[in-house]
Amino acid sequence: MAGHSKWKNIQHRKGRQDAKRSKDFTRAAKEIIIAAKNGGDPEYNPRLRSAIAFAKEVNLPKDKIDSAIRKGTGEEAGGDLAEIMYEGYGPGGVAVLVEVATDNRNRTVAEVRHIFSKNGGAMGELGCVAWMFDSKGVFTFTKAKYTEDALMEVGLEAGAEDIVDDGEAFEVQCAPTDFEALREAFAAAGMVAEESRLGRVPQNTVPVDVEAAKKLLRLVDALEDNDDVQNVYANFDLPDDVLAEME
C-alpha cells in the first residue's frame, strides 16, 4: 500500500473526486454483497461488519446498504459475483495485484489483460507476485488532524503493528484479526480515519523515476476506473523529489 495515499493526493489535484465517489459507492456495495454470502447479520460476520463500516465512510445510502446485503444473502437478485485476484507487472517490473468482483469472469480477465498491455505492463501467472504482499488492516489519518504520537498511544494497545508516514497522511497497519478491535479503539478515542479497510501491503517497495511513475499511475488509474476492479495494490514508491516534479 506504500504510495497509495500519494496516489490519492495526485488524483485529488487532478480533480478525480467525483469519479472516485461513484467508484467508492460501487466498490462498497460489491464488498457488502460478497461479505453477506457468509451471513447477513454483521454481528456474526466480521467481514460484513467491516464492509458496512466502509460503506458508511463513503456515505453509501442506507437503502443501498440494505439492498446489497439482501443481494448477498440471495433474498434479492443481483448477488451473483465472484471474487478474483489477478497478478501482474507494471512498467519497470513493479508488482501489481488487482482485486475484482465480477459477474462475468471472461469479460473481466480480458479487460484487465488489455489494460495491463495497453499501459506497459503484463498479466502474470497465479502466485507470481502475491507473495510480495501481506494482508493487513489499514487506517489512514491525515496529518492535519492527528499526530503520530496520538495515533501510537491509542493504536499500540489495540493491536497496531506499524505507523507509516505516507506524505500528507499516516497509515496505521495491523493484522487482519486485530482490525475490528483497532477500529473500536480509535472510535472510542474520537479518532476518525479518512479510510479504514482490509487490504494488501507490500513487504518492500521499489522507488521509481518520473517517467516510470507517470506510466505506473496511468496503469493504476486505468485499472481503478474499471467497473469490476475493487482494489489495486503495487509495490512502487514515489520519492518526494519525484512527487514534487509530478505535481
C-alpha atoms as a PDB file:
ATOM      1  CA  MET A   1       0.000   0.000   0.000  1.00  0.00           C
ATOM      2  CA  ALA A   2       3.054   2.245   0.042  1.00  0.00           C
ATOM      3  CA  GLY A   3       2.477   5.197  -2.224  1.00  0.00           C
ATOM      4  CA  HIS A   4      -1.285   4.748  -2.002  1.00  0.00           C
ATOM      5  CA  SER A   5      -2.013   7.998  -0.167  1.00  0.00           C
ATOM      6  CA  LYS A   6       0.350   9.761  -2.538  1.00  0.00           C
ATOM      7  CA  TRP A   7      -1.656   8.382  -5.462  1.00  0.00           C
ATOM      8  CA  LYS A   8      -4.755   9.813  -3.788  1.00  0.00           C
ATOM      9  CA  ASN A   9      -3.127  13.205  -3.331  1.00  0.00           C
ATOM     10  CA  ILE A  10      -2.249  13.335  -7.024  1.00  0.00           C
ATOM     11  CA  GLN A  11      -5.751  12.206  -8.004  1.00  0.00           C
ATOM     12  CA  HIS A  12      -7.257  14.883  -5.766  1.00  0.00           C
ATOM     13  CA  ARG A  13      -5.244  17.570  -7.509  1.00  0.00           C
ATOM     14  CA  LYS A  14      -6.347  16.108 -10.847  1.00  0.00           C
ATOM     15  CA  GLY A  15      -9.977  16.678  -9.892  1.00  0.00           C
ATOM     16  CA  ARG A  16     -10.917  12.997  -9.775  1.00  0.00           C
ATOM     17  CA  GLN A  17     -13.002  13.196  -6.619  1.00  0.00           C
ATOM     18  CA  ASP A  18     -16.438  12.958  -8.276  1.00  0.00           C
ATOM     19  CA  ALA A  19     -15.392   9.893 -10.225  1.00  0.00           C
ATOM     20  CA  LYS A  20     -13.845   8.417  -7.086  1.00  0.00           C
ATOM     21  CA  ARG A  21     -17.065   8.917  -5.116  1.00  0.00           C
ATOM     22  CA  SER A  22     -19.055   6.989  -7.703  1.00  0.00           C
ATOM     23  CA  LYS A  23     -16.415   4.244  -7.721  1.00  0.00           C
ATOM     24  CA  ASP A  24     -16.443   4.056  -3.913  1.00  0.00           C
ATOM     25  CA  PHE A  25     -20.218   3.505  -3.957  1.00  0.00           C
ATOM     26  CA  THR A  26     -19.879   0.623  -6.418  1.00  0.00           C
ATOM     27  CA  ARG A  27     -16.936  -0.854  -4.552  1.00  0.00           C
ATOM     28  CA  ALA A  28     -18.672  -0.642  -1.177  1.00  0.00           C
ATOM     29  CA  ALA A  29     -21.872  -2.259  -2.456  1.00  0.00           C
ATOM     30  CA  LYS A  30     -19.964  -5.129  -4.081  1.00  0.00           C
ATOM     31  CA  GLU A  31     -17.923  -5.750  -0.933  1.00  0.00           C
ATOM     32  CA  ILE A  32     -21.143  -5.966   1.099  1.00  0.00           C
ATOM     33  CA  ILE A  33     -22.671  -8.411  -1.415  1.00  0.00           C
ATOM     34  CA  ILE A  34     -19.632 -10.694  -1.269  1.00  0.00           C
ATOM     35  CA  ALA A  35     -19.332 -10.472   2.524  1.00  0.00           C
ATOM     36  CA  ALA A  36     -23.056 -11.180   3.025  1.00  0.00           C
ATOM     37  CA  LYS A  37     -22.714 -14.522   1.217  1.00  0.00           C
ATOM     38  CA  ASN A  38     -21.362 -15.827   4.540  1.00  0.00           C
ATOM     39  CA  GLY A  39     -24.340 -14.489   6.511  1.00  0.00           C
ATOM     40  CA  GLY A  40     -26.397 -11.334   6.564  1.00  0.00           C
ATOM     41  CA  ASP A  41     -26.004 -10.493  10.261  1.00  0.00           C
ATOM     42  CA  PRO A  42     -22.960  -8.246  10.805  1.00  0.00           C
ATOM     43  CA  GLU A  43     -22.830  -9.213  14.483  1.00  0.00           C
ATOM     44  CA  TYR A  44     -21.721 -12.705  13.464  1.00  0.00           C
ATOM     45  CA  ASN A  45     -19.932 -11.795  10.223  1.00  0.00           C
ATOM     46  CA  PRO A  46     -16.804  -9.651  10.804  1.00  0.00           C
ATOM     47  CA  ARG A  47     -16.190  -9.091   7.099  1.00  0.00           C
ATOM     48  CA  LEU A  48     -19.738  -7.821   6.600  1.00  0.00           C
ATOM     49  CA  ARG A  49     -19.344  -5.563   9.625  1.00  0.00           C
ATOM     50  CA  SER A  50     -16.192  -4.124   8.095  1.00  0.00           C
ATOM     51  CA  ALA A  51     -17.860  -3.751   4.675  1.00  0.00           C
ATOM     52  CA  ILE A  52     -20.787  -1.853   6.179  1.00  0.00           C
ATOM     53  CA  ALA A  53     -18.407   0.420   8.089  1.00  0.00           C
ATOM     54  CA  PHE A  54     -16.578   1.253   4.853  1.00  0.00           C
ATOM     55  CA  ALA A  55     -19.894   1.889   3.087  1.00  0.00           C
ATOM     56  CA  LYS A  56     -20.816   4.380   5.806  1.00  0.00           C
ATOM     57  CA  GLU A  57     -17.408   6.069   5.485  1.00  0.00           C
ATOM     58  CA  VAL A  58     -18.092   6.762   1.806  1.00  0.00           C
ATOM     59  CA  ASN A  59     -21.701   7.790   2.571  1.00  0.00           C
ATOM     60  CA  LEU A  60     -23.414   4.954   0.720  1.00  0.00           C
ATOM     61  CA  PRO A  61     -27.161   5.439   1.452  1.00  0.00           C
ATOM     62  CA  LYS A  62     -28.709   3.043   3.959  1.00  0.00           C
ATOM     63  CA  ASP A  63     -31.222   1.668   1.446  1.00  0.00           C
ATOM     64  CA  LYS A  64     -28.368   0.679  -0.855  1.00  0.00           C
ATOM     65  CA  ILE A  65     -26.539  -0.972   2.045  1.00  0.00           C
ATOM     66  CA  ASP A  66     -29.646  -2.981   2.927  1.00  0.00           C
ATOM     67  CA  SER A  67     -30.201  -3.912  -0.717  1.00  0.00           C
ATOM     68  CA  ALA A  68     -26.591  -5.108  -1.074  1.00  0.00           C
ATOM     69  CA  ILE A  69     -26.994  -7.331   1.999  1.00  0.00           C
ATOM     70  CA  ARG A  70     -30.154  -8.877   0.532  1.00  0.00           C
ATOM     71  CA  LYS A  71     -28.351  -9.497  -2.767  1.00  0.00           C
ATOM     72  CA  GLY A  72     -25.542 -11.244  -0.931  1.00  0.00           C
ATOM     73  CA  THR A  73     -27.893 -13.497   1.032  1.00  0.00           C
ATOM     74  CA  GLY A  74     -29.909 -14.324  -2.080  1.00  0.00           C
ATOM     75  CA  GLU A  75     -33.070 -12.513  -0.983  1.00  0.00           C
ATOM     76  CA  GLU A  76     -32.747 -10.128  -3.925  1.00  0.00           C
ATOM     77  CA  ALA A  77     -31.438 -10.613  -7.476  1.00  0.00           C
ATOM     78  CA  GLY A  78     -28.039  -9.256  -8.422  1.00  0.00           C
ATOM     79  CA  GLY A  79     -25.750 -11.062  -5.999  1.00  0.00           C
ATOM     80  CA  ASP A  80     -24.019 -13.378  -8.472  1.00  0.00           C
ATOM     81  CA  LEU A  81     -20.496 -12.021  -8.006  1.00  0.00           C
ATOM     82  CA  ALA A  82     -17.183 -13.870  -7.995  1.00  0.00           C
ATOM     83  CA  GLU A  83     -14.152 -12.551  -6.120  1.00  0.00           C
ATOM     84  CA  ILE A  84     -10.897 -12.956  -8.076  1.00  0.00           C
ATOM     85  CA  MET A  85      -7.290 -11.789  -7.703  1.00  0.00           C
ATOM     86  CA  TYR A  86      -5.219 -11.033 -10.811  1.00  0.00           C
ATOM     87  CA  GLU A  87      -1.471 -10.568 -10.660  1.00  0.00           C
ATOM     88  CA  GLY A  88       0.957  -8.880 -12.999  1.00  0.00           C
ATOM     89  CA  TYR A  89       3.792  -6.482 -13.604  1.00  0.00           C
ATOM     90  CA  GLY A  90       3.747  -2.785 -14.347  1.00  0.00           C
ATOM     91  CA  PRO A  91       6.404  -0.704 -16.128  1.00  0.00           C
ATOM     92  CA  GLY A  92       9.823  -1.319 -14.622  1.00  0.00           C
ATOM     93  CA  GLY A  93       8.805  -4.734 -13.322  1.00  0.00           C
ATOM     94  CA  VAL A  94       6.731  -3.311 -10.457  1.00  0.00           C
ATOM     95  CA  ALA A  95       4.461  -5.932  -8.849  1.00  0.00           C
ATOM     96  CA  VAL A  96       0.721  -5.272  -9.195  1.00  0.00           C
ATOM     97  CA  LEU A  97      -2.242  -7.025  -7.548  1.00  0.00           C
ATOM     98  CA  VAL A  98      -5.782  -6.430  -8.787  1.00  0.00           C
ATOM     99  CA  GLU A  99      -8.837  -7.491  -6.749  1.00  0.00           C
ATOM    100  CA  VAL A 100     -12.049  -7.776  -8.745  1.00  0.00           C
ATOM    101  CA  ALA A 101     -15.688  -8.628  -8.074  1.00  0.00           C
ATOM    102  CA  THR A 102     -17.402  -9.699 -11.280  1.00  0.00           C
ATOM    103  CA  ASP A 103     -20.454 -11.443 -12.682  1.00  0.00           C
ATOM    104  CA  ASN A 104     -18.572 -12.315 -15.886  1.00  0.00           C
ATOM    105  CA  ARG A 105     -15.073 -13.781 -15.451  1.00  0.00           C
ATOM    106  CA  ASN A 106     -14.283 -13.948 -19.168  1.00  0.00           C
ATOM    107  CA  ARG A 107     -15.142 -10.297 -19.743  1.00  0.00           C
ATOM    108  CA  THR A 108     -13.186  -9.102 -16.742  1.00  0.00           C
ATOM    109  CA  VAL A 109      -9.983 -11.067 -17.351  1.00  0.00           C
ATOM    110  CA  ALA A 110      -9.946  -9.836 -20.967  1.00  0.00           C
ATOM    111  CA  GLU A 111     -10.422  -6.216 -19.871  1.00  0.00           C
ATOM    112  CA  VAL A 112      -7.768  -6.396 -17.150  1.00  0.00           C
ATOM    113  CA  ARG A 113      -5.270  -8.055 -19.511  1.00  0.00           C
ATOM    114  CA  HIS A 114      -5.930  -5.329 -22.094  1.00  0.00           C
ATOM    115  CA  ILE A 115      -5.390  -2.565 -19.515  1.00  0.00           C
ATOM    116  CA  PHE A 116      -2.055  -4.087 -18.476  1.00  0.00           C
ATOM    117  CA  SER A 117      -0.775  -4.444 -22.044  1.00  0.00           C
ATOM    118  CA  LYS A 118      -2.019  -1.005 -23.143  1.00  0.00           C
ATOM    119  CA  ASN A 119      -0.169   0.665 -20.251  1.00  0.00           C
ATOM    120  CA  GLY A 120       3.210  -1.013 -20.481  1.00  0.00           C
ATOM    121  CA  GLY A 121       2.533  -3.931 -18.153  1.00  0.00           C
ATOM    122  CA  ALA A 122       1.678  -7.607 -18.418  1.00  0.00           C
ATOM    123  CA  MET A 123      -0.533 -10.040 -16.527  1.00  0.00           C
ATOM    124  CA  GLY A 124       1.305 -12.879 -14.837  1.00  0.00           C
ATOM    125  CA  GLU A 125       0.568 -16.359 -13.593  1.00  0.00           C
ATOM    126  CA  LEU A 126      -1.257 -17.063 -10.347  1.00  0.00           C
ATOM    127  CA  GLY A 127       1.139 -16.558  -7.437  1.00  0.00           C
ATOM    128  CA  CYS A 128       3.770 -14.623  -9.385  1.00  0.00           C
ATOM    129  CA  VAL A 129       3.665 -11.524  -7.157  1.00  0.00           C
ATOM    130  CA  ALA A 130       1.108 -12.172  -4.395  1.00  0.00           C
ATOM    131  CA  TRP A 131       3.867 -13.473  -2.134  1.00  0.00           C
ATOM    132  CA  MET A 132       5.357  -9.959  -2.086  1.00  0.00           C
ATOM    133  CA  PHE A 133       2.310  -8.597  -0.210  1.00  0.00           C
ATOM    134  CA  ASP A 134       0.885  -9.182   3.270  1.00  0.00           C
ATOM    135  CA  SER A 135      -2.776  -8.964   4.270  1.00  0.00           C
ATOM    136  CA  LYS A 136      -3.249  -6.074   6.698  1.00  0.00           C
ATOM    137  CA  GLY A 137      -5.840  -3.830   8.217  1.00  0.00           C
ATOM    138  CA  VAL A 138      -5.047  -0.235   7.250  1.00  0.00           C
ATOM    139  CA  PHE A 139      -6.340   3.011   8.776  1.00  0.00           C
ATOM    140  CA  THR A 140      -5.465   6.296   7.061  1.00  0.00           C
ATOM    141  CA  PHE A 141      -5.359   9.503   9.121  1.00  0.00           C
ATOM    142  CA  THR A 142      -4.470  12.970   7.828  1.00  0.00           C
ATOM    143  CA  LYS A 143      -1.559  14.711   9.499  1.00  0.00           C
ATOM    144  CA  ALA A 144      -3.626  17.879   9.717  1.00  0.00           C
ATOM    145  CA  LYS A 145      -5.836  16.221  12.334  1.00  0.00           C
ATOM    146  CA  TYR A 146      -3.662  13.720  14.217  1.00  0.00           C
ATOM    147  CA  THR A 147      -0.076  13.347  15.371  1.00  0.00           C
ATOM    148  CA  GLU A 148       1.900  10.147  15.155  1.00  0.00           C
ATOM    149  CA  ASP A 149       2.242  10.082  18.960  1.00  0.00           C
ATOM    150  CA  ALA A 150      -1.535  10.331  19.455  1.00  0.00           C
ATOM    151  CA  LEU A 151      -2.184   7.515  16.992  1.00  0.00           C
ATOM    152  CA  MET A 152       0.514   5.405  18.580  1.00  0.00           C
ATOM    153  CA  GLU A 153      -0.842   5.928  22.089  1.00  0.00           C
ATOM    154  CA  VAL A 154      -4.253   4.534  21.121  1.00  0.00           C
ATOM    155  CA  GLY A 155      -3.146   2.106  18.430  1.00  0.00           C
ATOM    156  CA  LEU A 156      -0.399   0.134  20.118  1.00  0.00           C
ATOM    157  CA  GLU A 157      -2.646  -1.014  22.969  1.00  0.00           C
ATOM    158  CA  ALA A 158      -5.276  -2.236  20.483  1.00  0.00           C
ATOM    159  CA  GLY A 159      -3.035  -4.212  18.131  1.00  0.00           C
ATOM    160  CA  ALA A 160      -1.417  -1.700  15.773  1.00  0.00           C
ATOM    161  CA  GLU A 161       1.783  -3.122  14.291  1.00  0.00           C
ATOM    162  CA  ASP A 162       3.192  -0.137  12.457  1.00  0.00           C
ATOM    163  CA  ILE A 163       2.566   3.537  11.667  1.00  0.00           C
ATOM    164  CA  VAL A 164       3.784   4.606   8.246  1.00  0.00           C
ATOM    165  CA  ASP A 165       4.440   8.212   7.262  1.00  0.00           C
ATOM    166  CA  ASP A 166       2.944   8.475   3.769  1.00  0.00           C
ATOM    167  CA  GLY A 167       3.324  12.118   2.839  1.00  0.00           C
ATOM    168  CA  GLU A 168       0.223  14.008   3.985  1.00  0.00           C
ATOM    169  CA  ALA A 169      -1.136  11.045   5.931  1.00  0.00           C
ATOM    170  CA  PHE A 170      -0.267   8.372   8.467  1.00  0.00           C
ATOM    171  CA  GLU A 171      -1.205   4.768   7.759  1.00  0.00           C
ATOM    172  CA  VAL A 172      -1.761   2.618  10.836  1.00  0.00           C
ATOM    173  CA  GLN A 173      -1.338  -1.059   9.995  1.00  0.00           C
ATOM    174  CA  CYS A 174      -2.460  -4.145  11.915  1.00  0.00           C
ATOM    175  CA  ALA A 175      -3.077  -7.858  11.479  1.00  0.00           C
ATOM    176  CA  PRO A 176      -6.492  -8.610   9.931  1.00  0.00           C
ATOM    177  CA  THR A 177      -7.549 -10.315  13.163  1.00  0.00           C
ATOM    178  CA  ASP A 178      -6.991  -7.073  15.111  1.00  0.00           C
ATOM    179  CA  PHE A 179      -8.827  -4.847  12.625  1.00  0.00           C
ATOM    180  CA  GLU A 180     -12.155  -4.627  14.466  1.00  0.00           C
ATOM    181  CA  ALA A 181     -10.528  -4.102  17.869  1.00  0.00           C
ATOM    182  CA  LEU A 182      -8.394  -1.298  16.476  1.00  0.00           C
ATOM    183  CA  ARG A 183     -11.375   0.313  14.758  1.00  0.00           C
ATOM    184  CA  GLU A 184     -13.298   0.278  18.042  1.00  0.00           C
ATOM    185  CA  ALA A 185     -10.313   1.720  19.932  1.00  0.00           C
ATOM    186  CA  PHE A 186      -9.976   4.650  17.525  1.00  0.00           C
ATOM    187  CA  ALA A 187     -13.734   5.259  17.649  1.00  0.00           C
ATOM    188  CA  ALA A 188     -13.707   5.247  21.459  1.00  0.00           C
ATOM    189  CA  ALA A 189     -10.907   7.823  21.369  1.00  0.00           C
ATOM    190  CA  GLY A 190     -12.871  10.019  18.966  1.00  0.00           C
ATOM    191  CA  MET A 191     -10.362   9.471  16.166  1.00  0.00           C
ATOM    192  CA  VAL A 192     -11.927   9.350  12.709  1.00  0.00           C
ATOM    193  CA  ALA A 193      -9.929   7.730   9.901  1.00  0.00           C
ATOM    194  CA  GLU A 194     -10.161   9.069   6.355  1.00  0.00           C
ATOM    195  CA  GLU A 195     -10.320   5.441   5.286  1.00  0.00           C
ATOM    196  CA  SER A 196     -10.184   2.078   7.047  1.00  0.00           C
ATOM    197  CA  ARG A 197     -10.124  -1.265   5.298  1.00  0.00           C
ATOM    198  CA  LEU A 198      -8.581  -4.668   4.983  1.00  0.00           C
ATOM    199  CA  GLY A 199      -6.067  -4.748   2.171  1.00  0.00           C
ATOM    200  CA  ARG A 200      -2.630  -5.765   0.945  1.00  0.00           C
ATOM    201  CA  VAL A 201       0.643  -4.098   1.928  1.00  0.00           C
ATOM    202  CA  PRO A 202       3.903  -4.697   0.029  1.00  0.00           C
ATOM    203  CA  GLN A 203       6.716  -6.211   2.056  1.00  0.00           C
ATOM    204  CA  ASN A 204       9.195  -3.961   0.248  1.00  0.00           C
ATOM    205  CA  THR A 205       8.825  -1.038  -2.148  1.00  0.00           C
ATOM    206  CA  VAL A 206      10.710  -0.004  -5.271  1.00  0.00           C
ATOM    207  CA  PRO A 207      11.483   3.701  -5.834  1.00  0.00           C
ATOM    208  CA  VAL A 208      10.733   4.854  -9.389  1.00  0.00           C
ATOM    209  CA  ASP A 209      11.742   7.835 -11.525  1.00  0.00           C
ATOM    210  CA  VAL A 210       9.340  10.382 -13.004  1.00  0.00           C
ATOM    211  CA  GLU A 211       8.802   8.626 -16.329  1.00  0.00           C
ATOM    212  CA  ALA A 212       8.143   5.248 -14.712  1.00  0.00           C
ATOM    213  CA  ALA A 213       5.873   6.906 -12.132  1.00  0.00           C
ATOM    214  CA  LYS A 214       3.751   8.531 -14.847  1.00  0.00           C
ATOM    215  CA  LYS A 215       3.340   5.193 -16.644  1.00  0.00           C
ATOM    216  CA  LEU A 216       2.523   3.369 -13.415  1.00  0.00           C
ATOM    217  CA  LEU A 217      -0.049   5.958 -12.363  1.00  0.00           C
ATOM    218  CA  ARG A 218      -1.713   5.673 -15.767  1.00  0.00           C
ATOM    219  CA  LEU A 219      -1.861   1.901 -15.313  1.00  0.00           C
ATOM    220  CA  VAL A 220      -3.278   2.195 -11.798  1.00  0.00           C
ATOM    221  CA  ASP A 221      -5.832   4.818 -12.883  1.00  0.00           C
ATOM    222  CA  ALA A 222      -6.988   2.669 -15.799  1.00  0.00           C
ATOM    223  CA  LEU A 223      -7.368  -0.393 -13.575  1.00  0.00           C
ATOM    224  CA  GLU A 224      -9.213   1.525 -10.856  1.00  0.00           C
ATOM    225  CA  ASP A 225     -11.569   3.005 -13.451  1.00  0.00           C
ATOM    226  CA  ASN A 226     -12.730  -0.475 -14.489  1.00  0.00           C
ATOM    227  CA  ASP A 227     -16.170  -1.221 -13.042  1.00  0.00           C
ATOM    228  CA  ASP A 228     -15.183  -4.700 -11.843  1.00  0.00           C
ATOM    229  CA  VAL A 229     -11.973  -3.698 -10.064  1.00  0.00           C
ATOM    230  CA  GLN A 230     -12.273  -3.349  -6.299  1.00  0.00           C
ATOM    231  CA  ASN A 231      -8.688  -2.594  -5.282  1.00  0.00           C
ATOM    232  CA  VAL A 232      -5.263  -2.176  -6.850  1.00  0.00           C
ATOM    233  CA  TYR A 233      -2.015  -2.703  -4.937  1.00  0.00           C
ATOM    234  CA  ALA A 234       1.525  -2.139  -6.188  1.00  0.00           C
ATOM    235  CA  ASN A 235       4.971  -2.180  -4.615  1.00  0.00           C
ATOM    236  CA  PHE A 236       6.353   1.069  -6.043  1.00  0.00           C
ATOM    237  CA  ASP A 237       7.050   4.178  -4.019  1.00  0.00           C
ATOM    238  CA  LEU A 238       7.079   7.797  -5.139  1.00  0.00           C
ATOM    239  CA  PRO A 239      10.161   9.530  -3.676  1.00  0.00           C
ATOM    240  CA  ASP A 240       9.488  13.102  -2.555  1.00  0.00           C
ATOM    241  CA  ASP A 241      11.544  14.649  -5.371  1.00  0.00           C
ATOM    242  CA  VAL A 242       9.624  12.601  -7.951  1.00  0.00           C
ATOM    243  CA  LEU A 243       6.292  13.539  -6.356  1.00  0.00           C
ATOM    244  CA  ALA A 244       7.242  17.224  -6.359  1.00  0.00           C
ATOM    245  CA  GLU A 245       8.231  17.120 -10.028  1.00  0.00           C
ATOM    246  CA  MET A 246       4.989  15.392 -10.997  1.00  0.00           C
ATOM    247  CA  GLU A 247       2.894  17.975  -9.172  1.00  0.00           C
END
